[in-house]
Amino acid sequence: MEYFSLQNRNILVTGGGSGIGLALVKNFINEGAKVILADIKNCEKLAESIGATYVFMDVSKESSVRVGFESAFNKIGKIDVLINNAGISLLSGVLEEGDTVKWSKVFDINVLGVMYGLKYGPRYMNQGACIINTASQAAFTKVAGMEPYAASKAAVISLTKTAAIELADQRIRVNAVCPSNTKTPMMAESDDAAYAELMSNLLSPISRVAETDDLVGVFHFLASEAARYINGQALIVDGGWTAGVSNQLLERILE
């Protein structure tokens, strides 16, 4: 079981104040890690209540990411695991009606935010450390009107593979996790929350939307020594959505 141990690891999670990020922070703390909760929101009280350490970080701003990593290093020392998780989803309509303001905002956070993490994170990490980027199943399965988000997550996968090559000489592994629709505040606040849940019910053989706890184990595994030879990969966690056509979808079509 020591292969899966995260005891005394120093871990930084961006977007750690809610959703998948908060679920990861809580799990890592329960496993004995020292955790930096990085978020654009003031999560000082939240972090204190669960045993984490908060640093402010606006991942869309390069200077904020740089300062955030400096602050994290000053608080807990070098990082063993970096989770580039912060992200947003904004619908801008089909490509012919694309809202370039929304496109820019999505890419500033989802793509440049990860790039800044890959730029500044390694200089504050131990050799043999690992980075996990939160991508999305949307990078593989397209839905009309969702391309800014989908394209940004496809870019995250590309960044993941390049970083895995470029950071190999520092023995830093880089992988991505690609969740399908997940019950998070971001999903609940989106314009298509009901539609997203319906899609999961119909298209996933498991017939439900993902919960944040469904994803924790995958991140935990990739962060652990058990995954020491996994590098440059994008793991899809979608309940089987991308595996093929589900029975419930066929029944719905044939009704």
Protein backbone atom coordinates (compact mmCIF):
# COMPACT_ATOMS: atom_id res chain seq x y z
CA MET A 1 0.00 0.00 0.00
CA GLU A 2 2.99 2.36 0.31
CA TYR A 3 2.87 2.65 -3.48
CA PHE A 4 -0.35 4.61 -3.07
CA SER A 5 0.76 6.66 -0.08
CA LEU A 6 0.68 10.44 -0.23
CA GLN A 7 1.87 10.85 3.35
CA ASN A 8 3.93 14.01 3.85
CA ARG A 9 3.72 14.97 0.17
CA ASN A 10 3.51 18.67 -0.61
CA ILE A 11 0.60 19.20 -3.02
CA LEU A 12 -0.74 22.33 -4.71
CA VAL A 13 -4.22 22.36 -6.25
CA THR A 14 -5.38 25.30 -8.38
CA GLY A 15 -9.11 25.95 -8.29
CA GLY A 16 -9.03 24.14 -4.97
CA GLY A 17 -11.88 26.08 -3.40
CA SER A 18 -14.78 24.18 -4.97
CA GLY A 19 -15.85 21.25 -7.11
CA ILE A 20 -13.26 18.71 -8.19
CA GLY A 21 -10.45 20.80 -6.73
CA LEU A 22 -11.96 20.89 -3.25
CA ALA A 23 -12.68 17.15 -3.33
CA LEU A 24 -9.01 16.57 -4.17
CA VAL A 25 -7.79 18.91 -1.44
CA LYS A 26 -9.87 17.10 1.18
CA ASN A 27 -8.70 13.67 0.01
CA PHE A 28 -5.03 14.65 -0.02
CA ILE A 29 -5.30 16.08 3.49
CA ASN A 30 -7.00 12.88 4.70
CA GLU A 31 -4.08 10.93 3.21
CA GLY A 32 -1.56 12.89 5.23
CA ALA A 33 -0.35 15.36 2.61
CA LYS A 34 0.43 19.04 3.14
CA VAL A 35 -1.87 20.88 0.75
CA ILE A 36 -1.84 24.35 -0.78
CA LEU A 37 -5.34 25.38 -1.83
CA ALA A 38 -4.85 27.95 -4.60
CA ASP A 39 -7.88 29.88 -5.79
CA ILE A 40 -8.97 33.26 -7.13
CA LYS A 41 -11.62 33.37 -4.39
CA ASN A 42 -10.62 34.14 -0.81
CA CYS A 43 -10.62 30.64 0.69
CA GLU A 44 -8.60 31.44 3.82
CA LYS A 45 -11.32 30.31 6.25
CA LEU A 46 -12.21 27.25 4.18
CA ALA A 47 -8.59 26.16 3.95
CA GLU A 48 -8.07 26.63 7.69
CA SER A 49 -11.20 24.61 8.48
CA ILE A 50 -9.98 21.55 6.55
CA GLY A 51 -6.29 21.76 7.34
CA ALA A 52 -5.01 23.25 4.09
CA THR A 53 -3.00 26.40 3.41
CA TYR A 54 -4.50 29.04 1.13
CA VAL A 55 -2.70 31.13 -1.49
CA PHE A 56 -4.33 33.54 -3.89
CA MET A 57 -3.89 32.67 -7.54
CA ASP A 58 -5.60 34.04 -10.63
CA VAL A 59 -4.42 31.53 -13.22
CA SER A 60 -5.35 33.85 -16.10
CA LYS A 61 -2.64 36.29 -14.97
CA GLU A 62 0.98 35.21 -15.38
CA SER A 63 2.25 37.44 -12.59
CA SER A 64 -0.36 36.04 -10.17
CA VAL A 65 0.68 32.46 -10.94
CA ARG A 66 4.35 33.29 -10.47
CA VAL A 67 3.71 35.04 -7.14
CA GLY A 68 1.36 32.23 -6.07
CA PHE A 69 4.06 29.60 -6.53
CA GLU A 70 6.58 31.75 -4.67
CA SER A 71 4.12 32.09 -1.80
CA ALA A 72 3.39 28.36 -1.76
CA PHE A 73 7.13 27.57 -1.67
CA ASN A 74 7.63 29.97 1.23
CA LYS A 75 4.79 28.28 3.14
CA ILE A 76 5.51 24.57 2.62
CA GLY A 77 8.71 24.21 0.57
CA LYS A 78 9.13 22.37 -2.71
CA ILE A 79 6.08 20.76 -4.29
CA ASP A 80 5.74 17.03 -4.96
CA VAL A 81 2.39 17.11 -6.78
CA LEU A 82 0.89 19.97 -8.80
CA ILE A 83 -2.75 19.79 -9.91
CA ASN A 84 -3.53 22.36 -12.62
CA ASN A 85 -7.28 22.17 -12.10
CA ALA A 86 -8.72 25.69 -12.29
CA GLY A 87 -11.06 26.18 -15.23
CA ILE A 88 -14.32 27.62 -16.52
CA SER A 89 -16.98 26.72 -19.06
CA LEU A 90 -18.71 29.43 -21.07
CA LEU A 91 -21.07 28.64 -23.94
CA SER A 92 -20.66 30.97 -26.91
CA GLY A 93 -22.99 29.30 -29.40
CA VAL A 94 -22.08 27.48 -32.60
CA LEU A 95 -18.92 28.54 -34.43
CA GLU A 96 -20.78 30.79 -36.86
CA GLU A 97 -22.09 32.79 -33.90
CA GLY A 98 -18.97 32.53 -31.74
CA ASP A 99 -18.52 35.17 -29.05
CA THR A 100 -14.82 36.04 -29.19
CA VAL A 101 -14.92 37.67 -25.75
CA LYS A 102 -16.06 34.37 -24.21
CA TRP A 103 -13.55 32.42 -26.29
CA SER A 104 -10.73 34.62 -25.02
CA LYS A 105 -11.82 34.29 -21.39
CA VAL A 106 -12.05 30.49 -21.63
CA PHE A 107 -8.61 30.23 -23.23
CA ASP A 108 -7.03 32.70 -20.79
CA ILE A 109 -8.08 30.49 -17.87
CA ASN A 110 -8.20 26.96 -19.26
CA VAL A 111 -5.19 27.05 -21.58
CA LEU A 112 -2.89 29.86 -20.49
CA GLY A 113 -3.67 29.02 -16.86
CA VAL A 114 -2.27 25.52 -17.38
CA MET A 115 0.64 26.84 -19.43
CA TYR A 116 1.60 29.23 -16.63
CA GLY A 117 1.41 26.34 -14.17
CA LEU A 118 3.74 24.32 -16.40
CA LYS A 119 6.05 27.34 -16.77
CA TYR A 120 6.43 28.29 -13.11
CA GLY A 121 5.50 25.10 -11.25
CA PRO A 122 8.56 22.96 -12.11
CA ARG A 123 11.06 25.44 -10.68
CA TYR A 124 9.39 24.94 -7.28
CA MET A 125 9.09 21.14 -7.56
CA ASN A 126 11.22 18.24 -6.41
CA GLN A 127 12.83 15.86 -8.87
CA GLY A 128 10.54 12.87 -9.28
CA ALA A 129 7.47 15.03 -8.73
CA CYS A 130 4.35 14.91 -10.87
CA ILE A 131 1.86 17.25 -12.51
CA ILE A 132 -1.76 16.41 -13.25
CA ASN A 133 -3.81 18.67 -15.51
CA THR A 134 -7.60 18.61 -15.48
CA ALA A 135 -8.77 18.29 -19.08
CA SER A 136 -12.16 16.93 -20.15
CA GLN A 137 -13.94 14.22 -22.09
CA ALA A 138 -15.20 17.16 -24.17
CA ALA A 139 -11.78 17.17 -25.85
CA PHE A 140 -12.78 13.88 -27.49
CA THR A 141 -16.59 13.98 -27.77
CA LYS A 142 -17.99 17.06 -29.44
CA VAL A 143 -21.33 18.76 -28.84
CA ALA A 144 -22.54 21.70 -30.93
CA GLY A 145 -22.14 25.05 -29.19
CA MET A 146 -19.53 23.89 -26.66
CA GLU A 147 -16.38 24.30 -28.72
CA PRO A 148 -14.60 27.02 -26.71
CA TYR A 149 -14.51 24.71 -23.70
CA ALA A 150 -13.84 21.57 -25.76
CA ALA A 151 -11.05 23.21 -27.75
CA SER A 152 -9.45 24.57 -24.59
CA LYS A 153 -9.40 21.11 -23.03
CA ALA A 154 -7.96 19.57 -26.19
CA ALA A 155 -5.20 22.17 -25.86
CA VAL A 156 -4.63 21.06 -22.25
CA ILE A 157 -4.02 17.51 -23.47
CA SER A 158 -1.52 18.80 -26.02
CA LEU A 159 0.25 20.81 -23.31
CA THR A 160 0.30 17.69 -21.13
CA LYS A 161 2.07 15.59 -23.75
CA THR A 162 4.62 18.29 -24.59
CA ALA A 163 5.36 18.95 -20.91
CA ALA A 164 5.84 15.22 -20.30
CA ILE A 165 8.63 15.29 -22.88
CA GLU A 166 10.17 18.58 -21.85
CA LEU A 167 10.20 17.87 -18.10
CA ALA A 168 11.52 14.32 -18.37
CA ASP A 169 15.06 15.41 -17.59
CA GLN A 170 13.77 16.69 -14.23
CA ARG A 171 12.01 13.36 -13.67
CA ILE A 172 8.67 15.18 -13.47
CA ARG A 173 5.78 13.16 -14.85
CA VAL A 174 2.87 15.00 -16.48
CA ASN A 175 -0.56 13.48 -17.10
CA ALA A 176 -4.14 14.65 -17.58
CA VAL A 177 -7.50 13.50 -16.24
CA CYS A 178 -10.49 13.96 -18.55
CA PRO A 179 -13.78 13.86 -16.63
CA SER A 180 -17.19 13.81 -18.25
CA ASN A 181 -20.01 16.00 -16.89
CA THR A 182 -19.48 16.27 -13.14
CA LYS A 183 -21.75 17.66 -10.43
CA THR A 184 -19.84 20.76 -9.40
CA PRO A 185 -20.83 24.38 -8.72
CA MET A 186 -19.53 25.21 -12.21
CA MET A 187 -21.95 22.73 -13.76
CA ALA A 188 -24.84 23.80 -11.52
CA GLU A 189 -24.36 27.45 -12.47
CA SER A 190 -24.07 26.79 -16.21
CA ASP A 191 -26.88 27.51 -18.66
CA ASP A 192 -27.00 23.89 -19.77
CA ALA A 193 -26.88 22.09 -16.39
CA ALA A 194 -30.08 20.11 -17.01
CA TYR A 195 -28.98 19.27 -20.55
CA ALA A 196 -25.57 18.09 -19.35
CA GLU A 197 -27.13 15.78 -16.78
CA LEU A 198 -29.57 14.41 -19.38
CA MET A 199 -26.68 13.69 -21.74
CA SER A 200 -24.86 11.76 -19.03
CA ASN A 201 -27.99 9.77 -18.18
CA LEU A 202 -28.46 8.78 -21.82
CA LEU A 203 -24.92 8.44 -23.15
CA SER A 204 -23.03 6.92 -20.23
CA PRO A 205 -23.60 3.19 -19.70
CA ILE A 206 -23.56 3.95 -15.96
CA SER A 207 -26.58 6.22 -16.61
CA ARG A 208 -25.66 9.14 -14.38
CA VAL A 209 -23.58 12.26 -14.17
CA ALA A 210 -20.26 11.97 -12.36
CA GLU A 211 -19.80 12.99 -8.73
CA THR A 212 -16.56 14.61 -7.61
CA ASP A 213 -15.79 11.54 -5.49
CA ASP A 214 -15.82 9.44 -8.69
CA LEU A 215 -12.69 11.31 -9.81
CA VAL A 216 -10.64 11.50 -6.62
CA GLY A 217 -9.18 8.00 -6.94
CA VAL A 218 -7.79 8.62 -10.42
CA PHE A 219 -5.95 11.76 -9.33
CA HIS A 220 -4.75 9.98 -6.20
CA PHE A 221 -3.36 7.09 -8.26
CA LEU A 222 -1.57 9.38 -10.73
CA ALA A 223 -0.09 11.37 -7.84
CA SER A 224 1.27 8.26 -6.16
CA GLU A 225 4.37 6.15 -6.68
CA ALA A 226 2.12 3.44 -8.12
CA ALA A 227 1.86 5.52 -11.32
CA ARG A 228 5.60 6.21 -11.58
CA TYR A 229 5.82 4.91 -15.18
CA ILE A 230 2.68 6.64 -16.48
CA ASN A 231 3.65 9.81 -18.33
CA GLY A 232 2.12 11.98 -21.06
CA GLN A 233 -1.27 10.27 -20.87
CA ALA A 234 -4.85 11.56 -20.84
CA LEU A 235 -7.11 9.30 -18.76
CA ILE A 236 -10.80 9.57 -19.64
CA VAL A 237 -13.14 9.15 -16.66
CA ASP A 238 -16.61 9.12 -18.20
CA GLY A 239 -18.46 6.01 -16.99
CA GLY A 240 -17.99 4.45 -20.42
CA TRP A 241 -19.46 7.32 -22.48
CA THR A 242 -16.72 7.20 -25.12
CA ALA A 243 -16.70 3.38 -25.24
CA GLY A 244 -19.74 3.17 -27.51
CA VAL A 245 -23.52 3.42 -27.75
CA SER A 246 -25.32 2.64 -24.49
CA ASN A 247 -28.43 0.44 -24.21
CA GLN A 248 -30.50 3.25 -22.76
CA LEU A 249 -29.65 5.47 -25.72
CA LEU A 250 -30.64 2.76 -28.18
CA GLU A 251 -33.91 2.23 -26.32
CA ARG A 252 -34.59 5.97 -26.37
CA ILE A 253 -33.92 6.15 -30.10
CA LEU A 254 -36.11 3.14 -30.86
CA GLU A 255 -39.07 4.26 -28.73
